[in-house]
Protein backbone atom coordinates (compact mmCIF):
# COMPACT_ATOMS: atom_id res chain seq x y z
CA MET A 1 -13.02 -10.45 36.94
CA ALA A 2 -12.46 -13.39 34.57
CA THR A 3 -9.43 -15.59 35.11
CA LEU A 4 -7.25 -15.72 31.99
CA THR A 5 -5.98 -19.18 31.09
CA ILE A 6 -4.15 -18.65 27.78
CA SER A 7 -0.37 -18.58 28.20
CA ALA A 8 1.74 -15.75 26.79
CA ALA A 9 3.44 -18.24 24.48
CA ASP A 10 0.13 -19.47 23.06
CA GLU A 11 -1.11 -15.90 22.67
CA LYS A 12 2.04 -15.03 20.73
CA ARG A 13 1.69 -18.14 18.56
CA VAL A 14 -1.85 -17.38 17.44
CA LYS A 15 -1.08 -13.68 16.99
CA ALA A 16 1.35 -14.75 14.27
CA LEU A 17 -1.63 -16.46 12.61
CA GLY A 18 -3.67 -13.24 12.73
CA PHE A 19 -5.59 -13.73 15.99
CA LEU A 20 -5.45 -10.83 18.43
CA SER A 21 -6.43 -11.16 22.06
CA ASN A 22 -9.71 -9.55 23.12
CA LYS A 23 -8.59 -7.55 26.14
CA GLY A 24 -9.43 -9.13 29.48
CA THR A 25 -10.76 -12.38 27.97
CA ASP A 26 -9.56 -15.71 26.61
CA ASN A 27 -11.16 -14.87 23.26
CA PHE A 28 -9.58 -13.56 20.09
CA SER A 29 -10.40 -11.51 17.00
CA GLY A 30 -9.54 -13.35 13.80
CA ARG A 31 -8.08 -10.96 11.22
CA ILE A 32 -9.14 -11.99 7.71
CA ILE A 33 -7.04 -10.77 4.79
CA THR A 34 -9.15 -9.31 1.97
CA VAL A 35 -6.15 -8.89 -0.41
CA ASN A 36 -7.16 -5.34 -1.38
CA GLY A 37 -10.44 -4.61 0.41
CA LYS A 38 -12.53 -6.47 -2.16
CA ILE A 39 -14.45 -9.66 -1.30
CA THR A 40 -17.19 -11.58 -3.05
CA ALA A 41 -20.77 -11.98 -1.85
CA ALA A 42 -20.03 -15.64 -1.10
CA GLN A 43 -17.05 -14.63 1.04
CA GLN A 44 -19.17 -12.10 2.92
CA LYS A 45 -21.73 -14.82 3.67
CA CYS A 46 -18.95 -17.14 4.84
CA ILE A 47 -17.57 -14.47 7.20
CA ALA A 48 -21.03 -13.79 8.62
CA GLU A 49 -21.60 -17.51 9.21
CA ALA A 50 -18.17 -17.87 10.81
CA ALA A 51 -18.90 -14.94 13.14
CA GLU A 52 -22.08 -16.62 14.35
CA LYS A 53 -20.64 -20.13 14.49
CA PHE A 54 -17.28 -19.44 16.15
CA GLY A 55 -17.39 -15.85 17.45
CA ASN A 56 -19.79 -13.45 19.13
CA GLY A 57 -21.57 -12.51 15.89
CA ILE A 58 -19.73 -9.20 15.48
CA VAL A 59 -17.65 -8.35 12.42
CA THR A 60 -15.44 -5.23 12.37
CA PHE A 61 -13.45 -3.55 9.62
CA THR A 62 -9.91 -2.33 10.15
CA THR A 63 -8.25 0.76 8.70
CA ARG A 64 -6.02 -1.58 6.64
CA LEU A 65 -9.03 -3.10 4.81
CA THR A 66 -8.97 -6.38 6.72
CA VAL A 67 -12.01 -7.91 8.45
CA GLU A 68 -12.00 -9.05 12.08
CA VAL A 69 -14.38 -11.56 13.61
CA GLN A 70 -14.54 -11.00 17.36
CA GLY A 71 -14.96 -13.33 20.32
CA ILE A 72 -13.37 -16.53 18.98
CA PRO A 73 -12.37 -18.95 21.78
CA TYR A 74 -8.78 -20.19 21.67
CA ASP A 75 -9.84 -23.79 21.08
CA LYS A 76 -11.99 -22.78 18.08
CA ILE A 77 -9.24 -20.96 16.18
CA GLU A 78 -8.25 -23.86 13.90
CA ASP A 79 -11.90 -24.69 13.19
CA PHE A 80 -12.47 -21.04 12.26
CA ARG A 81 -9.50 -21.02 9.88
CA GLU A 82 -10.65 -24.22 8.22
CA PHE A 83 -14.21 -22.89 7.85
CA ILE A 84 -13.25 -19.66 6.05
CA ALA A 85 -10.66 -21.42 3.90
CA LYS A 86 -13.47 -23.05 1.89
CA GLU A 87 -14.13 -19.61 0.35
CA GLY A 88 -10.45 -18.88 -0.23
CA LEU A 89 -10.07 -16.70 2.89
CA GLU A 90 -7.17 -16.72 5.31
CA THR A 91 -6.05 -14.92 8.45
CA GLY A 92 -2.80 -13.05 9.08
CA GLY A 93 -1.46 -9.51 8.78
CA THR A 94 0.69 -9.22 11.90
CA GLY A 95 4.40 -9.17 12.73
CA SER A 96 7.58 -7.61 11.36
CA LEU A 97 6.67 -8.46 7.81
CA VAL A 98 5.23 -6.96 4.65
CA ARG A 99 1.67 -6.18 5.77
CA PRO A 100 -1.58 -6.49 3.76
CA VAL A 101 -1.85 -3.97 0.93
CA VAL A 102 -4.32 -1.08 1.11
CA SER A 103 -5.95 0.01 -2.14
CA CYS A 104 -8.43 2.62 -3.29
CA LYS A 105 -11.21 1.74 -5.74
CA GLY A 106 -9.37 3.22 -8.73
CA THR A 107 -11.03 0.87 -11.17
CA THR A 108 -14.47 2.44 -10.70
CA CYS A 109 -13.70 5.97 -9.46
CA GLN A 110 -14.15 8.80 -11.99
CA TYR A 111 -10.65 10.06 -11.13
CA GLY A 112 -8.90 6.67 -11.23
CA LEU A 113 -5.83 6.56 -13.47
CA LEU A 114 -4.90 2.92 -12.98
CA ASP A 115 -6.50 -0.40 -12.08
CA SER A 116 -5.58 -0.18 -8.42
CA PHE A 117 -7.44 -3.39 -7.54
CA ALA A 118 -5.41 -5.38 -10.08
CA LEU A 119 -2.12 -3.70 -9.14
CA SER A 120 -2.66 -4.18 -5.40
CA GLU A 121 -3.55 -7.84 -5.97
CA GLU A 122 -0.29 -8.28 -7.87
CA ILE A 123 1.61 -6.59 -5.03
CA HIS A 124 -0.22 -8.82 -2.53
CA GLU A 125 0.85 -12.00 -4.33
CA ARG A 126 4.41 -10.90 -5.00
CA PHE A 127 5.27 -9.22 -1.71
CA TYR A 128 2.73 -10.02 1.04
CA LYS A 129 2.59 -13.69 0.07
CA GLY A 130 5.97 -14.00 -1.63
CA TYR A 131 7.87 -12.36 1.24
CA HIS A 132 5.77 -13.81 4.07
CA SER A 133 8.69 -15.79 5.50
CA VAL A 134 11.07 -12.81 5.36
CA LYS A 135 11.56 -11.13 8.73
CA LEU A 136 12.07 -7.34 8.55
CA PRO A 137 13.22 -4.78 11.13
CA HIS A 138 9.58 -3.78 11.64
CA LYS A 139 6.28 -3.93 9.77
CA PHE A 140 6.27 -2.64 6.19
CA LYS A 141 3.03 -1.13 4.90
CA ILE A 142 2.17 -0.55 1.24
CA ALA A 143 -0.70 1.53 -0.19
CA VAL A 144 -1.90 1.85 -3.78
CA GLY A 145 -3.71 5.03 -4.82
CA GLY A 146 -5.38 5.37 -8.21
CA CYS A 147 -4.77 9.12 -8.54
CA PRO A 148 -3.19 12.13 -6.80
CA ASN A 149 -6.31 12.60 -4.64
CA ASN A 150 -4.44 10.28 -2.24
CA CYS A 151 -7.55 8.76 -0.66
CA VAL A 152 -5.56 5.87 0.85
CA LYS A 153 -2.79 8.25 2.02
CA PRO A 154 0.12 6.60 0.17
CA ASP A 155 2.60 9.10 1.59
CA LEU A 156 1.79 7.95 5.14
CA ASN A 157 2.80 4.37 4.37
CA ASP A 158 6.28 2.87 4.33
CA LEU A 159 5.82 2.79 0.56
CA GLY A 160 3.02 4.30 -1.47
CA ILE A 161 2.34 4.08 -5.19
CA ILE A 162 0.08 6.59 -6.98
CA GLY A 163 -1.39 6.45 -10.48
CA GLN A 164 -0.26 9.22 -12.84
CA MET A 165 -1.30 10.56 -16.23
CA ILE A 166 1.50 12.71 -17.63
CA PRO A 167 0.04 15.27 -20.10
CA ASN A 168 1.44 15.12 -23.64
CA PHE A 169 1.13 18.74 -24.76
CA ASP A 170 1.63 19.43 -28.48
CA GLU A 171 2.47 23.13 -28.62
CA ASP A 172 2.27 23.14 -32.43
CA GLU A 173 -1.49 22.60 -32.11
CA CYS A 174 -1.98 25.35 -29.52
CA ASN A 175 -4.01 28.26 -30.90
CA GLY A 176 -3.23 30.58 -27.99
CA CYS A 177 -6.88 30.97 -27.04
CA LYS A 178 -7.60 33.98 -24.86
CA LYS A 179 -9.63 31.74 -22.58
CA CYS A 180 -7.82 28.41 -22.44
CA SER A 181 -10.03 25.42 -21.64
CA VAL A 182 -7.01 23.40 -20.47
CA ALA A 183 -5.99 26.07 -17.95
CA ALA A 184 -9.60 26.29 -16.77
CA ALA A 185 -9.72 22.52 -16.19
CA CYS A 186 -6.44 22.31 -14.23
CA PRO A 187 -7.20 21.99 -10.48
CA MET A 188 -3.55 22.63 -9.57
CA LYS A 189 -3.30 25.84 -11.67
CA ALA A 190 -0.19 24.37 -13.25
CA ALA A 191 -1.49 25.10 -16.79
CA LYS A 192 -1.51 28.75 -17.77
CA MET A 193 -1.15 30.98 -20.81
CA VAL A 194 2.27 32.65 -21.10
CA ASP A 195 2.94 35.02 -24.01
CA GLY A 196 0.05 33.57 -25.99
CA LEU A 197 1.02 29.90 -25.54
CA LEU A 198 -0.04 27.27 -23.04
CA GLU A 199 2.62 26.23 -20.54
CA ILE A 200 2.41 23.47 -17.92
CA ASP A 201 4.57 24.01 -14.85
CA LYS A 202 5.98 20.55 -14.10
CA ASP A 203 6.90 21.61 -10.56
CA ILE A 204 3.20 22.21 -9.83
CA CYS A 205 1.53 19.62 -12.05
CA ASN A 206 0.62 16.45 -10.15
CA ASN A 207 -0.25 14.45 -13.28
CA CYS A 208 -3.90 14.08 -12.32
CA GLY A 209 -4.95 13.87 -15.98
CA ARG A 210 -7.89 16.25 -15.58
CA CYS A 211 -6.62 18.38 -18.49
CA ILE A 212 -6.49 15.53 -21.00
CA GLY A 213 -8.90 16.04 -23.88
CA LYS A 214 -9.96 19.52 -22.77
CA CYS A 215 -8.31 21.45 -25.62
CA HIS A 216 -10.74 22.28 -28.43
CA PHE A 217 -7.87 22.21 -30.94
CA ASP A 218 -6.42 18.82 -29.94
CA ALA A 219 -3.24 20.20 -28.40
CA LEU A 220 -3.64 17.94 -25.37
CA GLU A 221 -5.43 14.78 -26.50
CA GLU A 222 -3.32 12.16 -24.77
CA GLY A 223 -1.38 11.43 -21.62
CA THR A 224 1.22 8.85 -20.63
CA PRO A 225 0.25 6.53 -17.73
CA GLY A 226 2.75 6.30 -14.91
CA PHE A 227 3.45 5.42 -11.29
CA LYS A 228 4.70 7.81 -8.63
CA ILE A 229 6.34 6.19 -5.60
CA TYR A 230 6.62 7.63 -2.09
CA ILE A 231 8.92 6.11 0.53
CA GLY A 232 9.27 6.57 4.27
CA GLY A 233 5.76 7.51 5.33
CA ARG A 234 4.61 6.53 8.82
CA TRP A 235 1.44 6.90 10.88
CA GLY A 236 1.18 6.10 14.55
CA LYS A 237 2.97 7.24 17.70
CA LYS A 238 5.46 9.12 15.54
CA THR A 239 4.36 10.41 12.15
CA ALA A 240 6.40 11.06 9.03
CA HIS A 241 5.39 12.15 5.54
CA GLY A 242 6.92 10.07 2.79
CA ARG A 243 8.94 11.68 0.04
CA ALA A 244 8.43 11.00 -3.65
CA LEU A 245 11.20 9.51 -5.72
CA SER A 246 12.33 11.95 -8.38
CA LYS A 247 11.40 9.62 -11.23
CA VAL A 248 7.83 8.91 -12.38
CA PHE A 249 7.89 5.32 -13.58
CA LYS A 250 6.18 4.60 -16.89
CA ASP A 251 6.73 0.84 -16.78
CA LYS A 252 4.78 -1.23 -14.22
CA GLU A 253 7.46 -3.89 -13.83
CA GLU A 254 10.06 -1.22 -13.11
CA ALA A 255 7.78 0.21 -10.41
CA LEU A 256 7.25 -3.25 -8.89
CA ASN A 257 11.01 -3.80 -8.87
CA VAL A 258 11.43 -0.57 -6.90
CA ILE A 259 9.03 -1.95 -4.27
CA GLU A 260 11.09 -5.12 -4.04
CA LYS A 261 14.32 -3.15 -3.79
CA ALA A 262 12.83 -1.06 -0.97
CA ILE A 263 11.95 -4.22 0.98
CA LEU A 264 15.41 -5.67 0.40
CA LEU A 265 17.09 -2.42 1.44
CA PHE A 266 14.99 -2.27 4.62
CA ARG A 267 15.87 -5.85 5.50
CA GLU A 268 19.59 -5.39 4.89
CA GLN A 269 20.20 -1.86 6.17
CA GLY A 270 17.39 -1.27 8.67
CA LYS A 271 18.02 -1.79 12.37
CA THR A 272 15.80 -4.21 14.25
CA GLY A 273 12.91 -2.26 15.77
CA GLU A 274 13.04 0.81 13.51
CA ARG A 275 10.50 1.72 10.82
CA PHE A 276 11.53 2.37 7.23
CA ALA A 277 11.15 6.12 7.79
CA ALA A 278 13.87 5.97 10.45
CA THR A 279 16.11 3.89 8.19
CA ILE A 280 15.78 6.48 5.42
CA GLU A 281 16.46 9.34 7.83
CA ARG A 282 19.58 7.60 9.14
CA LEU A 283 20.95 6.64 5.70
CA GLY A 284 19.87 9.82 3.91
CA PHE A 285 17.08 10.10 1.33
CA GLU A 286 19.45 10.70 -1.60
CA ASN A 287 21.46 7.59 -0.68
CA VAL A 288 18.32 5.44 -0.46
CA GLU A 289 16.90 6.82 -3.71
CA ALA A 290 20.14 6.09 -5.55
CA GLN A 291 20.02 2.48 -4.35
CA LEU A 292 16.38 2.09 -5.37
CA LEU A 293 17.07 3.39 -8.87
CA ALA A 294 20.09 1.08 -9.31
CA ASP A 295 20.11 -2.71 -9.69
CA ASP A 296 22.56 -3.82 -6.99
CA LEU A 297 19.91 -4.76 -4.42
CA LEU A 298 18.12 -7.10 -6.82
CA GLU A 299 21.43 -8.60 -7.92
CA ARG A 300 22.17 -9.42 -4.26
CA LYS A 301 18.60 -10.56 -3.50
CA GLN A 302 19.40 -14.12 -2.37
CA GLN A 303 22.34 -12.95 -0.27
CA ILE A 304 20.09 -10.44 1.52
CA LEU A 305 17.26 -12.94 2.01
CA ASN A 306 19.58 -15.66 3.30
CA ALA A 307 21.28 -13.43 5.88
CA GLU A 308 20.49 -14.03 9.57
CA LEU A 309 18.85 -10.68 10.29
CA HIS A 310 16.04 -9.42 12.56
CA VAL A 311 15.38 -12.85 14.05
CA THR A 312 13.26 -11.34 16.80
CA GLY A 313 11.52 -8.73 14.68
CA GLY A 314 10.50 -5.31 15.92
CA ALA A 315 6.75 -4.84 15.45
CA THR A 316 4.97 -4.24 18.73
CA CYS A 317 1.55 -3.40 17.25
């Protein structure tokens, strides 16, 4: 059996840089941040070269859309980081911090309702990068889904944001067709004919937008884009399904502010070592929602960020 020579302190230091120990060896996997799961051909070539030059030639993909190069010796870590930096790549994604954002391919998917690549890149810059020095009670994961198909499982993240298309139904244009093309197109069966007029049950409708443009008499030609936000999801040893905030946000900046308020609330009111789901359960969903829809947290932003909280952090994986 190989004798391990890397101290626990050195292992902890490089883990903070995104290098995870390869079990039973002195080698590490370097975790490369892809921002939102999208990299250029030049970056792919750079990663492949780095894997051969510094690692064991194996590249793996994580469930959080990062890329890991295996088998990097401890004394080659800085050389590896310098090599990939020439293509704008960096390592990281560990600790009790805002973690790398996960995004679906909403820009190219036939069901995509928002530019999830662009939105997730904005979230990456503002919260993964912008809050990288802010210690939290535990890790904080964010997912961006382009539509209610939920391919990236937004409701199983600490915070998930989902693209919406709210149908704008003009009942004055409804002809009361015996066979309604809008009702036929609705996958949720939220649209139905009632007493000769189309009705859309808002408690069932998930704002997928599949009904838009389906009416032959132009009663449903347009929809309003929006953002639905889930909070308190968790996957792992203990699972929790996130709950949606009652408001569908029609303004992107307002939705981004809610993300920031959630991070600030977690930092201020979360207990070291607990996930956001546990914080919400302890404080009460209605209490947390009221704070996220108000402005007090943003008004106290610097006070919250400057407080000596969660110095040790709580993330163990």
